[in-house]
Amino acid sequence: MVKVIASSVRKGNVLEVDNKLYVVLTAQNFHPGKGTPVTQVDMRRIVDGVKVSERWRTTEQVERAFVEDLNFQFLYEDGEGFHFMNPENYDQVVVDAETMGDQKAYLQEAMTCVLSIYEGIPLAIELPRHVTLEITETEPVVKGQTASSSYKPAMLSNGIRTMVPPHIDAGTRVVIATEDNSYVERAKS
């Protein structure tokens, strides 16, 4: 464990509070006009998933656990969870559905993701910033609509809805940003 000042805590950090480990969900520093600056932290307890809010003075010391960020390759999903493999030593880990969250829609076979691991337990996952998907359905182009003026709704092959430019039709492969489901560009290949 390493002691750090509260104002340096960021999303994804793992903290030890009262001999329990927590993953930081959000961390904000507040500097009121009068009074002491504080850091507001929302965390999830790793053992049971309970969410907790804490408020510390920005100069207070908190214990930060050492977490490894390693590349893992997605293998498959089953009733146990999402199975990933470390391509360097072939170790496999299982990420539960709660840790995976809404990101599971973007998982593709053999996709490389970054897993944050503490003592062999996966705490958080980071997907690639962009994925390539196919448009399965979209509205037809309205005559007179310019490409720069508006976007139209479309359904992606993973079941997520997004907005695409009018010239994109069903069957087109597009690049999508995983953080906000937004259209980036038409796929090159």
N, C-alpha and C. Protein backbone atom coordinates (compact mmCIF):
# COMPACT_ATOMS: atom_id res chain seq x y z
N MET A 1 0.84 -1.19 0.00
CA MET A 1 0.00 0.00 0.00
C MET A 1 0.88 1.25 0.00
N VAL A 2 0.39 2.28 -0.67
CA VAL A 2 1.11 3.54 -0.77
C VAL A 2 0.19 4.64 -0.28
N LYS A 3 0.71 5.54 0.53
CA LYS A 3 -0.10 6.67 0.99
C LYS A 3 0.01 7.79 -0.05
N VAL A 4 -1.15 8.34 -0.46
CA VAL A 4 -1.20 9.46 -1.40
C VAL A 4 -2.15 10.51 -0.84
N ILE A 5 -2.02 11.76 -1.32
CA ILE A 5 -2.96 12.78 -0.86
C ILE A 5 -4.28 12.62 -1.59
N ALA A 6 -5.36 12.94 -0.92
CA ALA A 6 -6.71 12.71 -1.45
C ALA A 6 -6.95 13.40 -2.78
N SER A 7 -6.36 14.58 -3.01
CA SER A 7 -6.61 15.31 -4.26
C SER A 7 -6.03 14.61 -5.48
N SER A 8 -5.14 13.61 -5.28
CA SER A 8 -4.54 12.90 -6.42
C SER A 8 -5.31 11.64 -6.80
N VAL A 9 -6.37 11.32 -6.07
CA VAL A 9 -7.16 10.11 -6.35
C VAL A 9 -7.95 10.31 -7.65
N ARG A 10 -7.94 9.28 -8.53
CA ARG A 10 -8.63 9.34 -9.82
C ARG A 10 -9.52 8.12 -10.01
N LYS A 11 -10.42 8.22 -10.99
CA LYS A 11 -11.31 7.12 -11.34
C LYS A 11 -10.47 5.89 -11.70
N GLY A 12 -10.88 4.72 -11.20
CA GLY A 12 -10.17 3.48 -11.47
C GLY A 12 -9.13 3.12 -10.43
N ASN A 13 -8.72 4.09 -9.57
CA ASN A 13 -7.77 3.78 -8.50
C ASN A 13 -8.42 2.81 -7.51
N VAL A 14 -7.58 2.04 -6.83
CA VAL A 14 -8.06 1.14 -5.78
C VAL A 14 -7.52 1.67 -4.45
N LEU A 15 -8.43 1.91 -3.51
CA LEU A 15 -8.07 2.45 -2.20
C LEU A 15 -8.38 1.43 -1.11
N GLU A 16 -7.62 1.51 -0.02
CA GLU A 16 -7.94 0.70 1.15
C GLU A 16 -8.45 1.64 2.23
N VAL A 17 -9.70 1.43 2.63
CA VAL A 17 -10.33 2.23 3.68
C VAL A 17 -10.87 1.24 4.71
N ASP A 18 -10.45 1.40 5.97
CA ASP A 18 -10.87 0.50 7.07
C ASP A 18 -10.63 -0.97 6.73
N ASN A 19 -9.46 -1.27 6.19
CA ASN A 19 -9.05 -2.63 5.81
C ASN A 19 -9.93 -3.29 4.76
N LYS A 20 -10.63 -2.50 3.96
CA LYS A 20 -11.43 -3.02 2.84
C LYS A 20 -11.00 -2.30 1.57
N LEU A 21 -11.03 -3.03 0.44
CA LEU A 21 -10.62 -2.44 -0.83
C LEU A 21 -11.82 -1.86 -1.58
N TYR A 22 -11.61 -0.71 -2.19
CA TYR A 22 -12.65 -0.01 -2.95
C TYR A 22 -12.09 0.42 -4.30
N VAL A 23 -12.93 0.34 -5.35
CA VAL A 23 -12.58 0.89 -6.66
C VAL A 23 -13.23 2.25 -6.76
N VAL A 24 -12.46 3.28 -7.16
CA VAL A 24 -12.98 4.64 -7.27
C VAL A 24 -13.80 4.76 -8.56
N LEU A 25 -15.08 5.17 -8.40
CA LEU A 25 -15.97 5.38 -9.55
C LEU A 25 -15.89 6.82 -10.04
N THR A 26 -15.88 7.79 -9.12
CA THR A 26 -15.71 9.20 -9.46
C THR A 26 -14.91 9.87 -8.35
N ALA A 27 -14.15 10.90 -8.73
CA ALA A 27 -13.39 11.68 -7.75
C ALA A 27 -13.41 13.13 -8.20
N GLN A 28 -13.87 14.03 -7.33
CA GLN A 28 -13.95 15.45 -7.65
C GLN A 28 -13.33 16.26 -6.51
N ASN A 29 -12.58 17.29 -6.89
CA ASN A 29 -12.01 18.21 -5.91
C ASN A 29 -12.86 19.46 -5.88
N PHE A 30 -13.27 19.89 -4.67
CA PHE A 30 -14.06 21.10 -4.49
C PHE A 30 -13.23 22.13 -3.73
N HIS A 31 -13.20 23.36 -4.26
CA HIS A 31 -12.46 24.45 -3.63
C HIS A 31 -13.45 25.57 -3.33
N PRO A 32 -14.09 25.53 -2.15
CA PRO A 32 -15.04 26.59 -1.82
C PRO A 32 -14.32 27.92 -1.57
N GLY A 33 -15.06 29.01 -1.70
CA GLY A 33 -14.49 30.33 -1.45
C GLY A 33 -13.95 30.45 -0.04
N LYS A 34 -14.69 29.93 0.93
CA LYS A 34 -14.26 29.92 2.33
C LYS A 34 -14.17 28.46 2.76
N GLY A 35 -13.28 28.19 3.64
CA GLY A 35 -13.19 26.84 4.18
C GLY A 35 -12.10 26.02 3.51
N THR A 36 -12.06 24.75 3.86
CA THR A 36 -11.02 23.84 3.40
C THR A 36 -11.41 23.16 2.10
N PRO A 37 -10.50 23.07 1.11
CA PRO A 37 -10.80 22.30 -0.11
C PRO A 37 -10.99 20.82 0.25
N VAL A 38 -11.94 20.16 -0.40
CA VAL A 38 -12.21 18.75 -0.11
C VAL A 38 -12.25 17.94 -1.41
N THR A 39 -12.06 16.65 -1.25
CA THR A 39 -12.17 15.70 -2.36
C THR A 39 -13.35 14.78 -2.08
N GLN A 40 -14.32 14.77 -2.99
CA GLN A 40 -15.50 13.89 -2.87
C GLN A 40 -15.26 12.67 -3.75
N VAL A 41 -15.33 11.47 -3.16
CA VAL A 41 -15.04 10.23 -3.88
C VAL A 41 -16.21 9.27 -3.75
N ASP A 42 -16.69 8.77 -4.89
CA ASP A 42 -17.69 7.69 -4.91
C ASP A 42 -16.94 6.41 -5.25
N MET A 43 -17.15 5.37 -4.42
CA MET A 43 -16.41 4.12 -4.59
C MET A 43 -17.33 2.92 -4.50
N ARG A 44 -16.84 1.77 -5.01
CA ARG A 44 -17.56 0.51 -4.89
C ARG A 44 -16.66 -0.47 -4.14
N ARG A 45 -17.20 -1.06 -3.07
CA ARG A 45 -16.43 -2.03 -2.30
C ARG A 45 -16.27 -3.29 -3.15
N ILE A 46 -15.05 -3.78 -3.26
CA ILE A 46 -14.75 -4.91 -4.14
C ILE A 46 -15.40 -6.20 -3.65
N VAL A 47 -15.42 -6.43 -2.37
CA VAL A 47 -15.92 -7.69 -1.81
C VAL A 47 -17.40 -7.92 -2.15
N ASP A 48 -18.24 -6.91 -1.91
CA ASP A 48 -19.68 -7.12 -2.07
C ASP A 48 -20.38 -6.14 -3.02
N GLY A 49 -19.63 -5.22 -3.62
CA GLY A 49 -20.23 -4.31 -4.60
C GLY A 49 -21.00 -3.13 -4.03
N VAL A 50 -20.97 -2.93 -2.70
CA VAL A 50 -21.69 -1.82 -2.08
C VAL A 50 -21.03 -0.50 -2.47
N LYS A 51 -21.86 0.48 -2.85
CA LYS A 51 -21.33 1.79 -3.23
C LYS A 51 -21.28 2.70 -2.01
N VAL A 52 -20.17 3.45 -1.89
CA VAL A 52 -19.92 4.30 -0.74
C VAL A 52 -19.41 5.65 -1.22
N SER A 53 -19.80 6.72 -0.51
CA SER A 53 -19.26 8.05 -0.79
C SER A 53 -18.41 8.49 0.40
N GLU A 54 -17.27 9.08 0.11
CA GLU A 54 -16.38 9.59 1.15
C GLU A 54 -15.98 11.01 0.79
N ARG A 55 -15.69 11.80 1.81
CA ARG A 55 -15.22 13.17 1.61
C ARG A 55 -14.01 13.38 2.52
N TRP A 56 -12.87 13.76 1.90
CA TRP A 56 -11.66 14.02 2.65
C TRP A 56 -11.15 15.42 2.35
N ARG A 57 -10.39 16.01 3.28
CA ARG A 57 -9.67 17.24 2.97
C ARG A 57 -8.64 16.88 1.90
N THR A 58 -8.40 17.78 0.96
CA THR A 58 -7.51 17.45 -0.18
C THR A 58 -6.10 17.08 0.25
N THR A 59 -5.68 17.51 1.43
CA THR A 59 -4.32 17.21 1.90
C THR A 59 -4.25 15.95 2.76
N GLU A 60 -5.40 15.32 3.07
CA GLU A 60 -5.41 14.09 3.88
C GLU A 60 -4.74 12.96 3.11
N GLN A 61 -4.15 12.03 3.86
CA GLN A 61 -3.49 10.86 3.26
C GLN A 61 -4.48 9.71 3.18
N VAL A 62 -4.52 9.04 2.01
CA VAL A 62 -5.34 7.83 1.85
C VAL A 62 -4.43 6.71 1.34
N GLU A 63 -4.80 5.48 1.62
CA GLU A 63 -3.99 4.33 1.21
C GLU A 63 -4.43 3.85 -0.16
N ARG A 64 -3.48 3.81 -1.09
CA ARG A 64 -3.77 3.37 -2.45
C ARG A 64 -3.12 2.01 -2.68
N ALA A 65 -3.90 1.06 -3.17
CA ALA A 65 -3.39 -0.29 -3.44
C ALA A 65 -2.73 -0.31 -4.82
N PHE A 66 -1.73 -1.16 -5.00
CA PHE A 66 -1.05 -1.27 -6.29
C PHE A 66 -1.85 -2.20 -7.20
N VAL A 67 -2.24 -1.67 -8.35
CA VAL A 67 -3.04 -2.43 -9.31
C VAL A 67 -2.26 -2.52 -10.62
N GLU A 68 -2.22 -3.71 -11.20
CA GLU A 68 -1.55 -3.90 -12.48
C GLU A 68 -2.55 -3.71 -13.62
N ASP A 69 -2.15 -2.95 -14.64
CA ASP A 69 -2.95 -2.84 -15.86
C ASP A 69 -2.27 -3.70 -16.91
N LEU A 70 -2.93 -4.79 -17.29
CA LEU A 70 -2.34 -5.74 -18.23
C LEU A 70 -3.24 -5.95 -19.44
N ASN A 71 -2.61 -6.25 -20.59
CA ASN A 71 -3.38 -6.57 -21.80
C ASN A 71 -3.87 -8.01 -21.71
N PHE A 72 -5.17 -8.19 -21.98
CA PHE A 72 -5.78 -9.51 -22.02
C PHE A 72 -6.60 -9.63 -23.30
N GLN A 73 -6.73 -10.84 -23.80
CA GLN A 73 -7.49 -11.09 -25.02
C GLN A 73 -8.81 -11.77 -24.64
N PHE A 74 -9.92 -11.27 -25.21
CA PHE A 74 -11.24 -11.84 -24.92
C PHE A 74 -11.36 -13.20 -25.61
N LEU A 75 -11.80 -14.21 -24.87
CA LEU A 75 -11.98 -15.55 -25.41
C LEU A 75 -13.45 -15.86 -25.67
N TYR A 76 -14.26 -15.88 -24.59
CA TYR A 76 -15.67 -16.24 -24.73
C TYR A 76 -16.44 -15.86 -23.48
N GLU A 77 -17.78 -15.95 -23.58
CA GLU A 77 -18.66 -15.68 -22.45
C GLU A 77 -19.47 -16.93 -22.16
N ASP A 78 -19.66 -17.24 -20.87
CA ASP A 78 -20.53 -18.33 -20.48
C ASP A 78 -21.25 -17.96 -19.18
N GLY A 79 -21.88 -18.90 -18.53
CA GLY A 79 -22.62 -18.64 -17.30
C GLY A 79 -21.75 -18.13 -16.16
N GLU A 80 -20.48 -18.43 -16.21
CA GLU A 80 -19.54 -18.02 -15.17
C GLU A 80 -19.15 -16.54 -15.32
N GLY A 81 -19.11 -16.05 -16.57
CA GLY A 81 -18.71 -14.67 -16.83
C GLY A 81 -18.00 -14.55 -18.17
N PHE A 82 -17.13 -13.54 -18.26
CA PHE A 82 -16.39 -13.25 -19.49
C PHE A 82 -14.95 -13.71 -19.30
N HIS A 83 -14.49 -14.61 -20.18
CA HIS A 83 -13.17 -15.22 -20.04
C HIS A 83 -12.15 -14.48 -20.90
N PHE A 84 -11.02 -14.11 -20.25
CA PHE A 84 -9.93 -13.41 -20.91
C PHE A 84 -8.64 -14.18 -20.69
N MET A 85 -7.69 -14.03 -21.65
CA MET A 85 -6.40 -14.72 -21.55
C MET A 85 -5.27 -13.71 -21.70
N ASN A 86 -4.24 -13.84 -20.85
CA ASN A 86 -3.04 -13.04 -20.98
C ASN A 86 -2.21 -13.66 -22.10
N PRO A 87 -1.95 -12.93 -23.22
CA PRO A 87 -1.24 -13.53 -24.36
C PRO A 87 0.24 -13.83 -24.07
N GLU A 88 0.80 -13.26 -23.00
CA GLU A 88 2.21 -13.50 -22.69
C GLU A 88 2.42 -14.81 -21.95
N ASN A 89 1.57 -15.12 -20.96
CA ASN A 89 1.78 -16.35 -20.18
C ASN A 89 0.58 -17.30 -20.22
N TYR A 90 -0.44 -16.97 -21.00
CA TYR A 90 -1.64 -17.80 -21.21
C TYR A 90 -2.48 -18.00 -19.95
N ASP A 91 -2.27 -17.18 -18.91
CA ASP A 91 -3.14 -17.21 -17.73
C ASP A 91 -4.53 -16.74 -18.13
N GLN A 92 -5.55 -17.34 -17.55
CA GLN A 92 -6.92 -16.94 -17.85
C GLN A 92 -7.59 -16.37 -16.61
N VAL A 93 -8.42 -15.34 -16.81
CA VAL A 93 -9.20 -14.76 -15.72
C VAL A 93 -10.65 -14.62 -16.19
N VAL A 94 -11.56 -14.60 -15.22
CA VAL A 94 -12.98 -14.44 -15.52
C VAL A 94 -13.44 -13.11 -14.93
N VAL A 95 -14.06 -12.28 -15.78
CA VAL A 95 -14.61 -10.99 -15.35
C VAL A 95 -16.11 -11.17 -15.20
N ASP A 96 -16.66 -10.79 -14.02
CA ASP A 96 -18.11 -10.96 -13.82
C ASP A 96 -18.89 -9.89 -14.57
N ALA A 97 -20.19 -10.14 -14.73
CA ALA A 97 -21.06 -9.26 -15.52
C ALA A 97 -21.14 -7.85 -14.93
N GLU A 98 -21.09 -7.72 -13.60
CA GLU A 98 -21.18 -6.39 -12.98
C GLU A 98 -19.95 -5.55 -13.30
N THR A 99 -18.77 -6.16 -13.26
CA THR A 99 -17.54 -5.45 -13.60
C THR A 99 -17.53 -5.09 -15.08
N MET A 100 -18.03 -5.98 -15.91
CA MET A 100 -18.08 -5.76 -17.36
C MET A 100 -19.03 -4.63 -17.72
N GLY A 101 -20.21 -4.60 -17.08
CA GLY A 101 -21.17 -3.52 -17.30
C GLY A 101 -21.71 -3.47 -18.73
N ASP A 102 -22.02 -2.26 -19.20
CA ASP A 102 -22.59 -2.07 -20.54
C ASP A 102 -21.58 -2.31 -21.65
N GLN A 103 -20.32 -2.39 -21.31
CA GLN A 103 -19.28 -2.54 -22.32
C GLN A 103 -19.34 -3.89 -23.03
N LYS A 104 -20.08 -4.86 -22.46
CA LYS A 104 -20.11 -6.20 -23.04
C LYS A 104 -20.63 -6.22 -24.47
N ALA A 105 -21.45 -5.24 -24.85
CA ALA A 105 -21.99 -5.19 -26.21
C ALA A 105 -20.88 -5.02 -27.26
N TYR A 106 -19.77 -4.45 -26.87
CA TYR A 106 -18.68 -4.20 -27.82
C TYR A 106 -17.64 -5.30 -27.89
N LEU A 107 -17.70 -6.28 -26.98
CA LEU A 107 -16.70 -7.35 -26.99
C LEU A 107 -16.77 -8.14 -28.29
N GLN A 108 -15.60 -8.38 -28.87
CA GLN A 108 -15.50 -9.19 -30.08
C GLN A 108 -14.43 -10.24 -29.84
N GLU A 109 -14.56 -11.36 -30.54
CA GLU A 109 -13.63 -12.46 -30.37
C GLU A 109 -12.20 -11.99 -30.62
N ALA A 110 -11.28 -12.37 -29.73
CA ALA A 110 -9.85 -12.05 -29.81
C ALA A 110 -9.54 -10.57 -29.62
N MET A 111 -10.51 -9.77 -29.12
CA MET A 111 -10.28 -8.34 -28.86
C MET A 111 -9.32 -8.19 -27.68
N THR A 112 -8.34 -7.29 -27.81
CA THR A 112 -7.41 -7.02 -26.73
C THR A 112 -7.94 -5.88 -25.87
N CYS A 113 -8.06 -6.14 -24.56
CA CYS A 113 -8.56 -5.16 -23.60
C CYS A 113 -7.53 -5.00 -22.48
N VAL A 114 -7.63 -3.91 -21.73
CA VAL A 114 -6.74 -3.70 -20.59
C VAL A 114 -7.53 -4.01 -19.32
N LEU A 115 -7.05 -4.99 -18.55
CA LEU A 115 -7.69 -5.35 -17.29
C LEU A 115 -6.86 -4.80 -16.13
N SER A 116 -7.53 -4.17 -15.17
CA SER A 116 -6.88 -3.73 -13.94
C SER A 116 -7.01 -4.87 -12.94
N ILE A 117 -5.86 -5.42 -12.51
CA ILE A 117 -5.87 -6.62 -11.68
C ILE A 117 -5.18 -6.35 -10.35
N TYR A 118 -5.84 -6.77 -9.26
CA TYR A 118 -5.27 -6.66 -7.92
C TYR A 118 -5.28 -8.05 -7.29
N GLU A 119 -4.10 -8.57 -6.99
CA GLU A 119 -3.95 -9.90 -6.40
C GLU A 119 -4.74 -10.97 -7.15
N GLY A 120 -4.65 -10.92 -8.48
CA GLY A 120 -5.30 -11.92 -9.34
C GLY A 120 -6.77 -11.70 -9.60
N ILE A 121 -7.37 -10.63 -9.03
CA ILE A 121 -8.79 -10.36 -9.21
C ILE A 121 -8.98 -9.19 -10.17
N PRO A 122 -9.73 -9.39 -11.27
CA PRO A 122 -9.98 -8.27 -12.19
C PRO A 122 -10.97 -7.28 -11.58
N LEU A 123 -10.56 -6.01 -11.48
CA LEU A 123 -11.39 -4.99 -10.86
C LEU A 123 -12.09 -4.09 -11.87
N ALA A 124 -11.44 -3.83 -12.99
CA ALA A 124 -11.99 -2.93 -14.00
C ALA A 124 -11.46 -3.35 -15.37
N ILE A 125 -12.19 -2.94 -16.41
CA ILE A 125 -11.81 -3.29 -17.79
C ILE A 125 -11.88 -2.04 -18.66
N GLU A 126 -10.93 -1.93 -19.57
CA GLU A 126 -10.91 -0.82 -20.51
C GLU A 126 -10.86 -1.40 -21.92
N LEU A 127 -11.89 -1.11 -22.72
CA LEU A 127 -11.96 -1.61 -24.09
C LEU A 127 -11.17 -0.69 -25.01
N PRO A 128 -10.88 -1.16 -26.24
CA PRO A 128 -10.28 -0.25 -27.23
C PRO A 128 -11.21 0.95 -27.45
N ARG A 129 -10.65 2.10 -27.81
CA ARG A 129 -11.45 3.32 -27.97
C ARG A 129 -12.43 3.22 -29.14
N HIS A 130 -12.06 2.48 -30.19
CA HIS A 130 -12.92 2.36 -31.37
C HIS A 130 -13.09 0.90 -31.76
N VAL A 131 -14.30 0.55 -32.23
CA VAL A 131 -14.57 -0.78 -32.78
C VAL A 131 -15.26 -0.62 -34.13
N THR A 132 -15.10 -1.64 -34.98
CA THR A 132 -15.74 -1.64 -36.28
C THR A 132 -16.94 -2.57 -36.24
N LEU A 133 -18.12 -2.04 -36.60
CA LEU A 133 -19.36 -2.80 -36.60
C LEU A 133 -20.12 -2.56 -37.89
N GLU A 134 -21.09 -3.42 -38.15
CA GLU A 134 -21.92 -3.28 -39.35
C GLU A 134 -23.27 -2.67 -39.00
N ILE A 135 -23.77 -1.82 -39.88
CA ILE A 135 -25.11 -1.24 -39.73
C ILE A 135 -26.10 -2.30 -40.20
N THR A 136 -27.06 -2.69 -39.34
CA THR A 136 -28.04 -3.70 -39.74
C THR A 136 -29.31 -3.07 -40.29
N GLU A 137 -29.69 -1.90 -39.77
CA GLU A 137 -30.86 -1.21 -40.32
C GLU A 137 -30.74 0.29 -40.10
N THR A 138 -31.28 1.05 -41.04
CA THR A 138 -31.27 2.50 -40.95
C THR A 138 -32.38 3.05 -41.84
N GLU A 139 -32.73 4.30 -41.61
CA GLU A 139 -33.79 4.92 -42.41
C GLU A 139 -33.24 5.29 -43.79
N PRO A 140 -34.11 5.30 -44.82
CA PRO A 140 -33.64 5.69 -46.15
C PRO A 140 -33.28 7.19 -46.19
N VAL A 141 -32.45 7.55 -47.16
CA VAL A 141 -32.03 8.94 -47.33
C VAL A 141 -33.19 9.77 -47.83
N VAL A 142 -33.38 10.95 -47.24
CA VAL A 142 -34.41 11.88 -47.69
C VAL A 142 -33.78 12.80 -48.72
N LYS A 143 -34.42 12.93 -49.87
CA LYS A 143 -33.86 13.75 -50.95
C LYS A 143 -33.71 15.19 -50.48
N GLY A 144 -32.58 15.80 -50.82
CA GLY A 144 -32.34 17.19 -50.45
C GLY A 144 -31.63 17.35 -49.12
N GLN A 145 -31.42 16.24 -48.42
CA GLN A 145 -30.74 16.31 -47.13
C GLN A 145 -29.23 16.36 -47.39
N THR A 146 -28.54 17.32 -46.79
CA THR A 146 -27.10 17.41 -47.02
C THR A 146 -26.36 16.59 -45.97
N ALA A 147 -25.15 16.15 -46.35
CA ALA A 147 -24.38 15.28 -45.47
C ALA A 147 -23.98 15.96 -44.17
N SER A 148 -23.78 17.26 -44.20
CA SER A 148 -23.29 17.94 -43.00
C SER A 148 -24.42 18.40 -42.08
N SER A 149 -25.66 18.41 -42.56
CA SER A 149 -26.73 19.03 -41.78
C SER A 149 -27.27 18.17 -40.65
N SER A 150 -27.40 16.86 -40.88
CA SER A 150 -28.05 16.06 -39.85
C SER A 150 -27.61 14.60 -39.91
N TYR A 151 -27.91 13.91 -38.84
CA TYR A 151 -27.64 12.48 -38.75
C TYR A 151 -28.96 11.75 -38.65
N LYS A 152 -28.95 10.45 -38.97
CA LYS A 152 -30.18 9.64 -38.87
C LYS A 152 -29.90 8.45 -37.95
N PRO A 153 -30.96 7.92 -37.30
CA PRO A 153 -30.76 6.78 -36.41
C PRO A 153 -30.42 5.50 -37.18
N ALA A 154 -29.60 4.65 -36.56
CA ALA A 154 -29.21 3.38 -37.18
C ALA A 154 -29.02 2.34 -36.08
N MET A 155 -29.22 1.07 -36.45
CA MET A 155 -29.02 -0.05 -35.52
C MET A 155 -27.72 -0.75 -35.92
N LEU A 156 -26.85 -1.00 -34.93
CA LEU A 156 -25.59 -1.68 -35.17
C LEU A 156 -25.76 -3.19 -35.00
N SER A 157 -24.80 -3.94 -35.51
CA SER A 157 -24.87 -5.41 -35.45
C SER A 157 -24.83 -5.93 -34.01
N ASN A 158 -24.39 -5.12 -33.03
CA ASN A 158 -24.37 -5.57 -31.64
C ASN A 158 -25.64 -5.16 -30.89
N GLY A 159 -26.62 -4.57 -31.59
CA GLY A 159 -27.90 -4.23 -30.99
C GLY A 159 -27.98 -2.82 -30.41
N ILE A 160 -26.93 -2.03 -30.51
CA ILE A 160 -26.92 -0.67 -29.99
C ILE A 160 -27.35 0.30 -31.08
N ARG A 161 -28.14 1.32 -30.68
CA ARG A 161 -28.58 2.36 -31.62
C ARG A 161 -27.58 3.50 -31.60
N THR A 162 -27.33 4.11 -32.76
CA THR A 162 -26.44 5.24 -32.88
C THR A 162 -26.96 6.16 -33.98
N MET A 163 -26.31 7.30 -34.14
CA MET A 163 -26.67 8.25 -35.19
C MET A 163 -25.55 8.25 -36.23
N VAL A 164 -25.94 8.15 -37.52
CA VAL A 164 -24.96 8.12 -38.61
C VAL A 164 -25.31 9.17 -39.66
N PRO A 165 -24.33 9.56 -40.50
CA PRO A 165 -24.63 10.51 -41.57
C PRO A 165 -25.62 9.91 -42.57
N PRO A 166 -26.34 10.76 -43.30
CA PRO A 166 -27.37 10.29 -44.24
C PRO A 166 -26.86 9.33 -45.32
N HIS A 167 -25.59 9.44 -45.73
CA HIS A 167 -25.09 8.59 -46.82
C HIS A 167 -24.76 7.16 -46.39
N ILE A 168 -24.87 6.83 -45.12
CA ILE A 168 -24.58 5.47 -44.62
C ILE A 168 -25.85 4.63 -44.74
N ASP A 169 -25.72 3.46 -45.37
CA ASP A 169 -26.86 2.55 -45.55
C ASP A 169 -26.64 1.25 -44.77
N ALA A 170 -27.70 0.43 -44.67
CA ALA A 170 -27.60 -0.88 -44.03
C ALA A 170 -26.55 -1.71 -44.76
N GLY A 171 -25.76 -2.48 -44.01
CA GLY A 171 -24.71 -3.30 -44.60
C GLY A 171 -23.35 -2.61 -44.61
N THR A 172 -23.31 -1.32 -44.33
CA THR A 172 -22.05 -0.58 -44.32
C THR A 172 -21.33 -0.84 -42.99
N ARG A 173 -20.01 -1.03 -43.07
CA ARG A 173 -19.20 -1.19 -41.85
C ARG A 173 -18.71 0.18 -41.42
N VAL A 174 -18.89 0.50 -40.14
CA VAL A 174 -18.52 1.81 -39.61
C VAL A 174 -17.68 1.66 -38.34
N VAL A 175 -16.91 2.70 -38.02
CA VAL A 175 -16.11 2.74 -36.80
C VAL A 175 -16.92 3.52 -35.76
N ILE A 176 -17.06 2.92 -34.56
CA ILE A 176 -17.86 3.51 -33.47
C ILE A 176 -16.96 3.73 -32.25
N ALA A 177 -17.14 4.86 -31.56
CA ALA A 177 -16.42 5.13 -30.31
C ALA A 177 -17.11 4.37 -29.18
N THR A 178 -16.37 3.56 -28.43
CA THR A 178 -16.96 2.73 -27.38
C THR A 178 -17.41 3.53 -26.17
N GLU A 179 -16.83 4.69 -25.92
CA GLU A 179 -17.18 5.43 -24.70
C GLU A 179 -18.55 6.09 -24.77
N ASP A 180 -19.01 6.49 -25.98
CA ASP A 180 -20.31 7.17 -26.06
C ASP A 180 -21.19 6.69 -27.23
N ASN A 181 -20.85 5.55 -27.83
CA ASN A 181 -21.64 4.95 -28.93
C ASN A 181 -21.76 5.86 -30.15
N SER A 182 -20.82 6.77 -30.36
CA SER A 182 -20.95 7.72 -31.47
C SER A 182 -20.22 7.24 -32.73
N TYR A 183 -20.73 7.65 -33.88
CA TYR A 183 -20.14 7.36 -35.18
C TYR A 183 -18.84 8.13 -35.32
N VAL A 184 -17.78 7.45 -35.80
CA VAL A 184 -16.49 8.10 -36.03
C VAL A 184 -16.25 8.28 -37.52
N GLU A 185 -16.33 7.17 -38.27
CA GLU A 185 -16.08 7.22 -39.71
C GLU A 185 -16.53 5.90 -40.34
N ARG A 186 -16.59 5.89 -41.67
CA ARG A 186 -16.83 4.65 -42.42
C ARG A 186 -15.58 3.80 -42.31
N ALA A 187 -15.74 2.48 -42.12
CA ALA A 187 -14.57 1.59 -41.99
C ALA A 187 -13.79 1.54 -43.29
N LYS A 188 -12.47 1.51 -43.17
CA LYS A 188 -11.59 1.53 -44.36
C LYS A 188 -11.59 0.20 -45.10
N SER A 189 -11.72 -0.91 -44.37
CA SER A 189 -11.63 -2.21 -45.03
C SER A 189 -12.98 -2.88 -45.16
